[in-house]
Amino acid sequence: MTASTPGTSMTEEEENKAREEETREARRQLAREMAIGFQSIGHFIFEFSQLEFTIRVVVARCFGIDDSLFNIVTGPDDFATLCTVAREALYLKLPEKKEEIDEVLKDCRKLNDERVRVAHGLWTFGAEGIVLQNVSRGSLQARYYFEKRGELDQLADEAQRLMQAVLTIGKRRPVDHSRAAS
């Protein structure tokens, strides 16, 4: 048996149902926000992995590494080491492109710093969805990242831009100085 609250037309049962529906709607909204955040994380990590693979391919081409040895030779390096190897290999093959090589690979390393945060930080809830909390090793102070929707997608776009830049450098054929001398 339910009684109406004086001055209102809703019964206690109706009020409980309305509160339950509000709670369900809030949970659905939270799930939507989380899904958007998870998709953005995945988008960035996917694009970053494509960038890393592209750098590995360029290194393999520079050294003439056979496909059967590709993973054995290029797989063990961490990203920073891979960038160093790529830089040195490209310097040897394309010395006239040193500034461009430096700029692209510097940007790749900077993007890797973001990837490390994404992979190793604490994901939690913020005003516009999920946010990343990262504690600096140096200061031991927490800082929040990706508080605005779309920031991770911008990083994914940057990974795609860098992949194209690496491919552009890697596609350039070095001048064969031995033929030019004859």
N, C-alpha and C. Protein backbone atom coordinates (compact mmCIF):
# COMPACT_ATOMS: atom_id res chain seq x y z
N MET A 1 0.84 -1.18 0.00
CA MET A 1 0.00 0.00 0.00
C MET A 1 0.89 1.24 0.00
N THR A 2 0.60 2.18 -0.88
CA THR A 2 1.39 3.41 -0.95
C THR A 2 0.50 4.60 -0.64
N ALA A 3 1.12 5.58 -0.10
CA ALA A 3 0.38 6.80 0.23
C ALA A 3 0.99 7.96 -0.52
N SER A 4 0.17 8.91 -0.90
CA SER A 4 0.67 10.11 -1.57
C SER A 4 1.33 11.01 -0.55
N THR A 5 2.42 11.63 -0.96
CA THR A 5 3.05 12.63 -0.12
C THR A 5 2.17 13.86 -0.17
N PRO A 6 1.88 14.44 1.00
CA PRO A 6 1.02 15.64 1.00
C PRO A 6 1.60 16.72 0.08
N GLY A 7 0.77 17.30 -0.73
CA GLY A 7 1.18 18.40 -1.60
C GLY A 7 1.78 17.94 -2.92
N THR A 8 1.93 16.62 -3.13
CA THR A 8 2.45 16.12 -4.41
C THR A 8 1.50 15.07 -4.94
N SER A 9 1.66 14.80 -6.21
CA SER A 9 0.78 13.81 -6.80
C SER A 9 1.49 12.46 -6.95
N MET A 10 2.78 12.36 -6.56
CA MET A 10 3.52 11.10 -6.71
C MET A 10 3.43 10.28 -5.43
N THR A 11 3.25 9.01 -5.60
CA THR A 11 3.28 8.11 -4.46
C THR A 11 4.72 7.82 -4.11
N GLU A 12 4.94 7.24 -2.98
CA GLU A 12 6.30 6.87 -2.56
C GLU A 12 6.90 5.88 -3.55
N GLU A 13 6.10 4.96 -4.01
CA GLU A 13 6.57 3.96 -4.99
C GLU A 13 6.97 4.65 -6.29
N GLU A 14 6.20 5.62 -6.73
CA GLU A 14 6.52 6.36 -7.96
C GLU A 14 7.80 7.17 -7.78
N GLU A 15 7.98 7.76 -6.61
CA GLU A 15 9.21 8.52 -6.33
C GLU A 15 10.43 7.59 -6.36
N ASN A 16 10.30 6.42 -5.77
CA ASN A 16 11.40 5.45 -5.79
C ASN A 16 11.73 5.03 -7.21
N LYS A 17 10.71 4.78 -8.02
CA LYS A 17 10.93 4.40 -9.41
C LYS A 17 11.62 5.54 -10.17
N ALA A 18 11.20 6.77 -9.91
CA ALA A 18 11.81 7.92 -10.58
C ALA A 18 13.28 8.05 -10.19
N ARG A 19 13.59 7.87 -8.89
CA ARG A 19 14.99 7.93 -8.44
C ARG A 19 15.81 6.80 -9.08
N GLU A 20 15.23 5.61 -9.14
CA GLU A 20 15.91 4.47 -9.75
C GLU A 20 16.20 4.75 -11.23
N GLU A 21 15.25 5.34 -11.92
CA GLU A 21 15.44 5.65 -13.34
C GLU A 21 16.53 6.72 -13.50
N GLU A 22 16.55 7.72 -12.63
CA GLU A 22 17.62 8.73 -12.67
C GLU A 22 18.98 8.08 -12.45
N THR A 23 19.04 7.15 -11.51
CA THR A 23 20.29 6.44 -11.24
C THR A 23 20.71 5.62 -12.46
N ARG A 24 19.76 4.91 -13.06
CA ARG A 24 20.08 4.12 -14.26
C ARG A 24 20.57 5.03 -15.38
N GLU A 25 19.91 6.17 -15.57
CA GLU A 25 20.32 7.09 -16.62
C GLU A 25 21.72 7.65 -16.34
N ALA A 26 22.01 7.96 -15.09
CA ALA A 26 23.35 8.44 -14.73
C ALA A 26 24.40 7.36 -15.02
N ARG A 27 24.06 6.11 -14.71
CA ARG A 27 25.00 5.01 -15.00
C ARG A 27 25.19 4.83 -16.50
N ARG A 28 24.11 4.95 -17.28
CA ARG A 28 24.23 4.84 -18.74
C ARG A 28 25.11 5.97 -19.28
N GLN A 29 24.92 7.17 -18.75
CA GLN A 29 25.74 8.31 -19.19
C GLN A 29 27.21 8.08 -18.84
N LEU A 30 27.48 7.58 -17.65
CA LEU A 30 28.85 7.27 -17.24
C LEU A 30 29.45 6.21 -18.16
N ALA A 31 28.67 5.18 -18.48
CA ALA A 31 29.15 4.13 -19.39
C ALA A 31 29.47 4.71 -20.76
N ARG A 32 28.64 5.65 -21.25
CA ARG A 32 28.92 6.29 -22.55
C ARG A 32 30.21 7.09 -22.49
N GLU A 33 30.39 7.84 -21.40
CA GLU A 33 31.61 8.65 -21.23
C GLU A 33 32.85 7.74 -21.17
N MET A 34 32.73 6.65 -20.44
CA MET A 34 33.85 5.71 -20.34
C MET A 34 34.17 5.10 -21.70
N ALA A 35 33.14 4.72 -22.45
CA ALA A 35 33.34 4.12 -23.77
C ALA A 35 34.07 5.08 -24.70
N ILE A 36 33.69 6.35 -24.65
CA ILE A 36 34.37 7.36 -25.48
C ILE A 36 35.84 7.45 -25.07
N GLY A 37 36.10 7.47 -23.77
CA GLY A 37 37.48 7.53 -23.29
C GLY A 37 38.28 6.30 -23.68
N PHE A 38 37.68 5.13 -23.51
CA PHE A 38 38.38 3.89 -23.86
C PHE A 38 38.68 3.85 -25.36
N GLN A 39 37.74 4.32 -26.16
CA GLN A 39 37.95 4.36 -27.60
C GLN A 39 39.10 5.30 -27.94
N SER A 40 39.17 6.43 -27.28
CA SER A 40 40.25 7.38 -27.54
C SER A 40 41.60 6.82 -27.13
N ILE A 41 41.65 6.13 -25.99
CA ILE A 41 42.90 5.48 -25.58
C ILE A 41 43.33 4.46 -26.63
N GLY A 42 42.40 3.62 -27.04
CA GLY A 42 42.70 2.61 -28.05
C GLY A 42 43.13 3.21 -29.37
N HIS A 43 42.48 4.28 -29.77
CA HIS A 43 42.83 4.96 -31.02
C HIS A 43 44.28 5.45 -30.97
N PHE A 44 44.63 6.09 -29.87
CA PHE A 44 46.00 6.59 -29.74
C PHE A 44 47.01 5.44 -29.72
N ILE A 45 46.77 4.43 -28.92
CA ILE A 45 47.71 3.32 -28.82
C ILE A 45 47.85 2.61 -30.17
N PHE A 46 46.76 2.44 -30.89
CA PHE A 46 46.82 1.82 -32.21
C PHE A 46 47.70 2.64 -33.15
N GLU A 47 47.44 3.94 -33.23
CA GLU A 47 48.21 4.79 -34.14
C GLU A 47 49.68 4.84 -33.73
N PHE A 48 49.94 4.86 -32.43
CA PHE A 48 51.32 4.86 -31.98
C PHE A 48 52.02 3.56 -32.38
N SER A 49 51.34 2.44 -32.27
CA SER A 49 51.95 1.16 -32.65
C SER A 49 52.27 1.14 -34.14
N GLN A 50 51.42 1.79 -34.94
CA GLN A 50 51.69 1.87 -36.37
C GLN A 50 52.92 2.74 -36.65
N LEU A 51 53.07 3.81 -35.89
CA LEU A 51 54.26 4.66 -35.99
C LEU A 51 55.51 3.84 -35.65
N GLU A 52 55.46 3.11 -34.55
CA GLU A 52 56.61 2.31 -34.14
C GLU A 52 56.96 1.27 -35.20
N PHE A 53 55.97 0.59 -35.74
CA PHE A 53 56.21 -0.40 -36.79
C PHE A 53 56.85 0.26 -38.01
N THR A 54 56.37 1.44 -38.37
CA THR A 54 56.91 2.15 -39.53
C THR A 54 58.38 2.48 -39.33
N ILE A 55 58.74 2.92 -38.14
CA ILE A 55 60.16 3.21 -37.86
C ILE A 55 60.97 1.93 -37.97
N ARG A 56 60.45 0.82 -37.47
CA ARG A 56 61.14 -0.47 -37.57
C ARG A 56 61.37 -0.84 -39.04
N VAL A 57 60.37 -0.62 -39.88
CA VAL A 57 60.50 -0.92 -41.31
C VAL A 57 61.59 -0.05 -41.95
N VAL A 58 61.59 1.22 -41.61
CA VAL A 58 62.62 2.12 -42.17
C VAL A 58 64.01 1.67 -41.74
N VAL A 59 64.18 1.31 -40.48
CA VAL A 59 65.47 0.80 -40.00
C VAL A 59 65.85 -0.46 -40.77
N ALA A 60 64.92 -1.37 -40.92
CA ALA A 60 65.20 -2.62 -41.64
C ALA A 60 65.62 -2.34 -43.08
N ARG A 61 64.95 -1.40 -43.71
CA ARG A 61 65.33 -1.04 -45.09
C ARG A 61 66.73 -0.43 -45.14
N CYS A 62 67.03 0.43 -44.18
CA CYS A 62 68.35 1.07 -44.17
C CYS A 62 69.47 0.03 -44.08
N PHE A 63 69.23 -1.01 -43.31
CA PHE A 63 70.26 -2.03 -43.11
C PHE A 63 70.09 -3.22 -44.05
N GLY A 64 69.09 -3.18 -44.91
CA GLY A 64 68.86 -4.28 -45.84
C GLY A 64 68.50 -5.58 -45.13
N ILE A 65 67.73 -5.47 -44.07
CA ILE A 65 67.36 -6.65 -43.28
C ILE A 65 66.26 -7.42 -44.00
N ASP A 66 66.49 -8.70 -44.17
CA ASP A 66 65.53 -9.59 -44.80
C ASP A 66 64.28 -9.73 -43.92
N ASP A 67 63.12 -9.92 -44.57
CA ASP A 67 61.86 -10.06 -43.82
C ASP A 67 61.91 -11.16 -42.78
N SER A 68 62.64 -12.23 -43.07
CA SER A 68 62.70 -13.34 -42.12
C SER A 68 63.45 -12.97 -40.84
N LEU A 69 64.26 -11.91 -40.90
CA LEU A 69 65.02 -11.45 -39.73
C LEU A 69 64.43 -10.19 -39.10
N PHE A 70 63.38 -9.65 -39.71
CA PHE A 70 62.82 -8.37 -39.29
C PHE A 70 62.54 -8.31 -37.79
N ASN A 71 61.73 -9.22 -37.28
CA ASN A 71 61.36 -9.19 -35.86
C ASN A 71 62.54 -9.49 -34.94
N ILE A 72 63.42 -10.35 -35.39
CA ILE A 72 64.58 -10.70 -34.57
C ILE A 72 65.48 -9.49 -34.37
N VAL A 73 65.69 -8.74 -35.45
CA VAL A 73 66.62 -7.61 -35.40
C VAL A 73 65.97 -6.34 -34.85
N THR A 74 64.74 -6.05 -35.26
CA THR A 74 64.13 -4.78 -34.87
C THR A 74 63.23 -4.89 -33.64
N GLY A 75 62.84 -6.07 -33.25
CA GLY A 75 61.88 -6.26 -32.17
C GLY A 75 62.36 -5.91 -30.77
N PRO A 76 63.58 -6.25 -30.41
CA PRO A 76 63.99 -6.09 -29.01
C PRO A 76 64.16 -4.65 -28.51
N ASP A 77 64.32 -3.71 -29.41
CA ASP A 77 64.60 -2.34 -28.98
C ASP A 77 63.37 -1.66 -28.39
N ASP A 78 63.57 -0.87 -27.32
CA ASP A 78 62.50 -0.02 -26.84
C ASP A 78 62.38 1.15 -27.81
N PHE A 79 61.35 1.95 -27.65
CA PHE A 79 61.07 2.99 -28.63
C PHE A 79 62.18 4.03 -28.71
N ALA A 80 62.69 4.45 -27.57
CA ALA A 80 63.76 5.47 -27.57
C ALA A 80 65.00 4.94 -28.29
N THR A 81 65.38 3.70 -28.03
CA THR A 81 66.54 3.10 -28.71
C THR A 81 66.26 2.96 -30.20
N LEU A 82 65.05 2.55 -30.53
CA LEU A 82 64.68 2.44 -31.93
C LEU A 82 64.84 3.78 -32.65
N CYS A 83 64.42 4.86 -32.01
CA CYS A 83 64.58 6.19 -32.60
C CYS A 83 66.06 6.55 -32.79
N THR A 84 66.89 6.19 -31.83
CA THR A 84 68.33 6.45 -31.95
C THR A 84 68.92 5.66 -33.11
N VAL A 85 68.58 4.39 -33.21
CA VAL A 85 69.06 3.56 -34.31
C VAL A 85 68.57 4.12 -35.65
N ALA A 86 67.30 4.49 -35.71
CA ALA A 86 66.76 5.06 -36.94
C ALA A 86 67.49 6.34 -37.32
N ARG A 87 67.71 7.20 -36.33
CA ARG A 87 68.42 8.46 -36.61
C ARG A 87 69.80 8.18 -37.21
N GLU A 88 70.57 7.31 -36.58
CA GLU A 88 71.93 7.03 -37.06
C GLU A 88 71.91 6.36 -38.43
N ALA A 89 70.99 5.45 -38.64
CA ALA A 89 70.89 4.78 -39.95
C ALA A 89 70.50 5.77 -41.04
N LEU A 90 69.53 6.63 -40.74
CA LEU A 90 69.10 7.61 -41.73
C LEU A 90 70.17 8.67 -41.99
N TYR A 91 70.94 9.03 -40.96
CA TYR A 91 72.06 9.96 -41.17
C TYR A 91 73.03 9.39 -42.20
N LEU A 92 73.31 8.10 -42.08
CA LEU A 92 74.24 7.46 -43.01
C LEU A 92 73.69 7.42 -44.43
N LYS A 93 72.40 7.13 -44.54
CA LYS A 93 71.78 6.98 -45.87
C LYS A 93 71.37 8.31 -46.48
N LEU A 94 70.98 9.25 -45.64
CA LEU A 94 70.44 10.53 -46.13
C LEU A 94 71.03 11.70 -45.34
N PRO A 95 72.34 11.91 -45.42
CA PRO A 95 72.96 12.97 -44.61
C PRO A 95 72.41 14.37 -44.91
N GLU A 96 71.93 14.56 -46.12
CA GLU A 96 71.39 15.87 -46.49
C GLU A 96 70.05 16.16 -45.81
N LYS A 97 69.46 15.17 -45.19
CA LYS A 97 68.16 15.31 -44.52
C LYS A 97 68.29 15.31 -43.00
N LYS A 98 69.49 15.59 -42.50
CA LYS A 98 69.74 15.49 -41.06
C LYS A 98 68.77 16.33 -40.23
N GLU A 99 68.51 17.57 -40.62
CA GLU A 99 67.61 18.42 -39.83
C GLU A 99 66.19 17.86 -39.80
N GLU A 100 65.72 17.40 -40.95
CA GLU A 100 64.38 16.82 -41.01
C GLU A 100 64.29 15.54 -40.17
N ILE A 101 65.32 14.71 -40.27
CA ILE A 101 65.38 13.48 -39.48
C ILE A 101 65.33 13.81 -37.99
N ASP A 102 66.16 14.77 -37.59
CA ASP A 102 66.19 15.17 -36.17
C ASP A 102 64.83 15.66 -35.69
N GLU A 103 64.20 16.50 -36.49
CA GLU A 103 62.92 17.08 -36.09
C GLU A 103 61.84 16.00 -35.95
N VAL A 104 61.74 15.12 -36.93
CA VAL A 104 60.71 14.08 -36.90
C VAL A 104 60.94 13.13 -35.73
N LEU A 105 62.18 12.68 -35.56
CA LEU A 105 62.44 11.71 -34.49
C LEU A 105 62.36 12.35 -33.10
N LYS A 106 62.66 13.64 -33.01
CA LYS A 106 62.46 14.35 -31.73
C LYS A 106 60.97 14.38 -31.38
N ASP A 107 60.15 14.65 -32.38
CA ASP A 107 58.70 14.65 -32.17
C ASP A 107 58.19 13.24 -31.82
N CYS A 108 58.80 12.22 -32.42
CA CYS A 108 58.42 10.84 -32.09
C CYS A 108 58.73 10.53 -30.63
N ARG A 109 59.88 10.95 -30.16
CA ARG A 109 60.25 10.72 -28.75
C ARG A 109 59.30 11.46 -27.81
N LYS A 110 58.94 12.68 -28.20
CA LYS A 110 58.00 13.47 -27.39
C LYS A 110 56.64 12.76 -27.31
N LEU A 111 56.19 12.23 -28.43
CA LEU A 111 54.93 11.49 -28.44
C LEU A 111 55.04 10.22 -27.59
N ASN A 112 56.21 9.61 -27.59
CA ASN A 112 56.41 8.43 -26.75
C ASN A 112 56.26 8.77 -25.27
N ASP A 113 56.68 9.96 -24.87
CA ASP A 113 56.47 10.38 -23.48
C ASP A 113 54.98 10.36 -23.14
N GLU A 114 54.16 10.79 -24.08
CA GLU A 114 52.70 10.75 -23.87
C GLU A 114 52.21 9.31 -23.80
N ARG A 115 52.75 8.45 -24.67
CA ARG A 115 52.35 7.04 -24.66
C ARG A 115 52.68 6.39 -23.33
N VAL A 116 53.84 6.71 -22.78
CA VAL A 116 54.23 6.16 -21.48
C VAL A 116 53.23 6.60 -20.41
N ARG A 117 52.83 7.86 -20.45
CA ARG A 117 51.81 8.33 -19.50
C ARG A 117 50.51 7.56 -19.67
N VAL A 118 50.07 7.43 -20.91
CA VAL A 118 48.80 6.75 -21.19
C VAL A 118 48.85 5.31 -20.68
N ALA A 119 49.98 4.64 -20.93
CA ALA A 119 50.09 3.23 -20.57
C ALA A 119 50.31 2.99 -19.09
N HIS A 120 50.96 3.92 -18.41
CA HIS A 120 51.36 3.65 -17.02
C HIS A 120 50.70 4.54 -15.98
N GLY A 121 49.90 5.50 -16.41
CA GLY A 121 49.23 6.38 -15.46
C GLY A 121 47.98 5.74 -14.87
N LEU A 122 47.37 6.44 -13.96
CA LEU A 122 46.13 6.00 -13.34
C LEU A 122 44.97 6.69 -14.03
N TRP A 123 44.07 5.92 -14.62
CA TRP A 123 42.89 6.48 -15.26
C TRP A 123 41.78 6.57 -14.23
N THR A 124 41.12 7.72 -14.21
CA THR A 124 40.05 7.97 -13.24
C THR A 124 38.99 8.84 -13.90
N PHE A 125 38.05 9.35 -13.14
CA PHE A 125 36.95 10.11 -13.70
C PHE A 125 37.17 11.60 -13.52
N GLY A 126 36.84 12.35 -14.57
CA GLY A 126 36.92 13.80 -14.52
C GLY A 126 35.61 14.41 -14.99
N ALA A 127 35.61 15.71 -15.18
CA ALA A 127 34.39 16.44 -15.55
C ALA A 127 33.88 16.06 -16.93
N GLU A 128 34.78 15.75 -17.87
CA GLU A 128 34.37 15.45 -19.25
C GLU A 128 34.61 13.99 -19.62
N GLY A 129 34.71 13.12 -18.65
CA GLY A 129 34.96 11.71 -18.93
C GLY A 129 36.16 11.23 -18.13
N ILE A 130 36.84 10.23 -18.69
CA ILE A 130 38.00 9.71 -17.96
C ILE A 130 39.20 10.63 -18.16
N VAL A 131 40.02 10.72 -17.13
CA VAL A 131 41.24 11.53 -17.16
C VAL A 131 42.39 10.69 -16.61
N LEU A 132 43.58 11.12 -16.91
CA LEU A 132 44.77 10.41 -16.47
C LEU A 132 45.44 11.16 -15.34
N GLN A 133 45.75 10.44 -14.28
CA GLN A 133 46.54 11.01 -13.20
C GLN A 133 47.92 10.38 -13.29
N ASN A 134 48.93 11.22 -13.28
CA ASN A 134 50.30 10.73 -13.35
C ASN A 134 51.10 11.40 -12.24
N VAL A 135 51.89 10.62 -11.54
CA VAL A 135 52.74 11.15 -10.48
C VAL A 135 54.16 11.26 -11.03
N SER A 136 54.69 12.46 -11.01
CA SER A 136 56.04 12.71 -11.50
C SER A 136 57.06 12.02 -10.61
N ARG A 137 58.00 11.34 -11.23
CA ARG A 137 59.07 10.69 -10.45
C ARG A 137 59.94 11.71 -9.73
N GLY A 138 60.14 12.85 -10.38
CA GLY A 138 61.01 13.87 -9.80
C GLY A 138 60.40 14.60 -8.62
N SER A 139 59.16 15.08 -8.79
CA SER A 139 58.54 15.88 -7.74
C SER A 139 57.60 15.08 -6.86
N LEU A 140 57.22 13.90 -7.30
CA LEU A 140 56.24 13.06 -6.61
C LEU A 140 54.89 13.77 -6.46
N GLN A 141 54.62 14.72 -7.35
CA GLN A 141 53.35 15.44 -7.37
C GLN A 141 52.46 14.86 -8.46
N ALA A 142 51.19 14.72 -8.14
CA ALA A 142 50.21 14.23 -9.11
C ALA A 142 49.80 15.36 -10.05
N ARG A 143 49.63 15.00 -11.30
CA ARG A 143 49.16 15.95 -12.30
C ARG A 143 48.14 15.22 -13.17
N TYR A 144 47.14 15.95 -13.65
CA TYR A 144 46.09 15.36 -14.47
C TYR A 144 46.30 15.71 -15.93
N TYR A 145 46.03 14.75 -16.80
CA TYR A 145 46.19 14.91 -18.25
C TYR A 145 44.90 14.48 -18.94
N PHE A 146 44.71 14.98 -20.14
CA PHE A 146 43.60 14.59 -21.01
C PHE A 146 42.25 14.88 -20.35
N GLU A 147 42.18 16.04 -19.72
CA GLU A 147 40.94 16.44 -19.05
C GLU A 147 39.88 16.91 -20.03
N LYS A 148 40.30 17.28 -21.23
CA LYS A 148 39.34 17.74 -22.23
C LYS A 148 39.15 16.65 -23.27
N ARG A 149 37.92 16.42 -23.60
CA ARG A 149 37.60 15.41 -24.62
C ARG A 149 38.31 15.77 -25.92
N GLY A 150 38.86 14.79 -26.57
CA GLY A 150 39.51 15.00 -27.86
C GLY A 150 41.02 15.11 -27.78
N GLU A 151 41.58 15.31 -26.59
CA GLU A 151 43.04 15.46 -26.50
C GLU A 151 43.77 14.18 -26.92
N LEU A 152 43.24 13.03 -26.53
CA LEU A 152 43.87 11.77 -26.94
C LEU A 152 43.75 11.55 -28.44
N ASP A 153 42.63 11.95 -29.00
CA ASP A 153 42.46 11.81 -30.45
C ASP A 153 43.44 12.73 -31.19
N GLN A 154 43.76 13.88 -30.61
CA GLN A 154 44.78 14.75 -31.21
C GLN A 154 46.15 14.05 -31.20
N LEU A 155 46.43 13.32 -30.13
CA LEU A 155 47.69 12.56 -30.08
C LEU A 155 47.70 11.45 -31.13
N ALA A 156 46.56 10.81 -31.33
CA ALA A 156 46.46 9.79 -32.38
C ALA A 156 46.72 10.41 -33.74
N ASP A 157 46.17 11.61 -33.97
CA ASP A 157 46.42 12.32 -35.23
C ASP A 157 47.90 12.66 -35.38
N GLU A 158 48.53 13.03 -34.27
CA GLU A 158 49.97 13.34 -34.31
C GLU A 158 50.78 12.09 -34.64
N ALA A 159 50.39 10.96 -34.10
CA ALA A 159 51.08 9.70 -34.42
C ALA A 159 50.94 9.40 -35.91
N GLN A 160 49.78 9.63 -36.46
CA GLN A 160 49.56 9.40 -37.89
C GLN A 160 50.40 10.37 -38.72
N ARG A 161 50.46 11.63 -38.30
CA ARG A 161 51.28 12.62 -39.02
C ARG A 161 52.75 12.22 -39.00
N LEU A 162 53.22 11.79 -37.83
CA LEU A 162 54.63 11.37 -37.72
C LEU A 162 54.91 10.12 -38.53
N MET A 163 53.97 9.20 -38.57
CA MET A 163 54.16 8.01 -39.38
C MET A 163 54.33 8.40 -40.85
N GLN A 164 53.51 9.32 -41.32
CA GLN A 164 53.63 9.78 -42.70
C GLN A 164 54.98 10.48 -42.92
N ALA A 165 55.43 11.25 -41.95
CA ALA A 165 56.72 11.93 -42.07
C ALA A 165 57.87 10.92 -42.12
N VAL A 166 57.80 9.89 -41.29
CA VAL A 166 58.83 8.84 -41.30
C VAL A 166 58.82 8.12 -42.64
N LEU A 167 57.64 7.81 -43.14
CA LEU A 167 57.54 7.15 -44.44
C LEU A 167 58.12 8.02 -45.55
N THR A 168 57.85 9.32 -45.48
CA THR A 168 58.35 10.24 -46.49
C THR A 168 59.88 10.27 -46.47
N ILE A 169 60.46 10.34 -45.29
CA ILE A 169 61.93 10.30 -45.19
C ILE A 169 62.44 8.96 -45.69
N GLY A 170 61.82 7.88 -45.26
CA GLY A 170 62.27 6.54 -45.61
C GLY A 170 62.15 6.21 -47.08
N LYS A 171 61.24 6.88 -47.79
CA LYS A 171 61.06 6.60 -49.21
C LYS A 171 62.07 7.31 -50.08
N ARG A 172 62.70 8.33 -49.54
CA ARG A 172 63.69 9.05 -50.33
C ARG A 172 64.89 8.15 -50.58
N ARG A 173 65.30 8.11 -51.78
CA ARG A 173 66.46 7.29 -52.13
C ARG A 173 67.73 8.13 -51.99
N PRO A 174 68.72 7.58 -51.32
CA PRO A 174 69.97 8.33 -51.20
C PRO A 174 70.67 8.39 -52.56
N VAL A 175 71.45 9.43 -52.72
CA VAL A 175 72.24 9.57 -53.93
C VAL A 175 73.33 8.50 -53.88
N ASP A 176 73.49 7.78 -54.99
CA ASP A 176 74.54 6.76 -55.08
C ASP A 176 75.82 7.48 -55.52
N HIS A 177 76.65 7.82 -54.54
CA HIS A 177 77.87 8.60 -54.81
C HIS A 177 78.88 7.81 -55.62
N SER A 178 78.85 6.49 -55.57
CA SER A 178 79.80 5.68 -56.34
C SER A 178 79.52 5.80 -57.83
N ARG A 179 78.27 5.91 -58.24
CA ARG A 179 77.94 6.06 -59.65
C ARG A 179 78.20 7.50 -60.12
N ALA A 180 77.95 8.45 -59.25
CA ALA A 180 78.15 9.85 -59.63
C ALA A 180 79.62 10.15 -59.87
N ALA A 181 80.53 9.44 -59.19
CA ALA A 181 81.96 9.66 -59.33
C ALA A 181 82.52 9.09 -60.62
N SER A 182 81.86 8.10 -61.22
CA SER A 182 82.42 7.49 -62.43
C SER A 182 82.03 8.18 -63.69
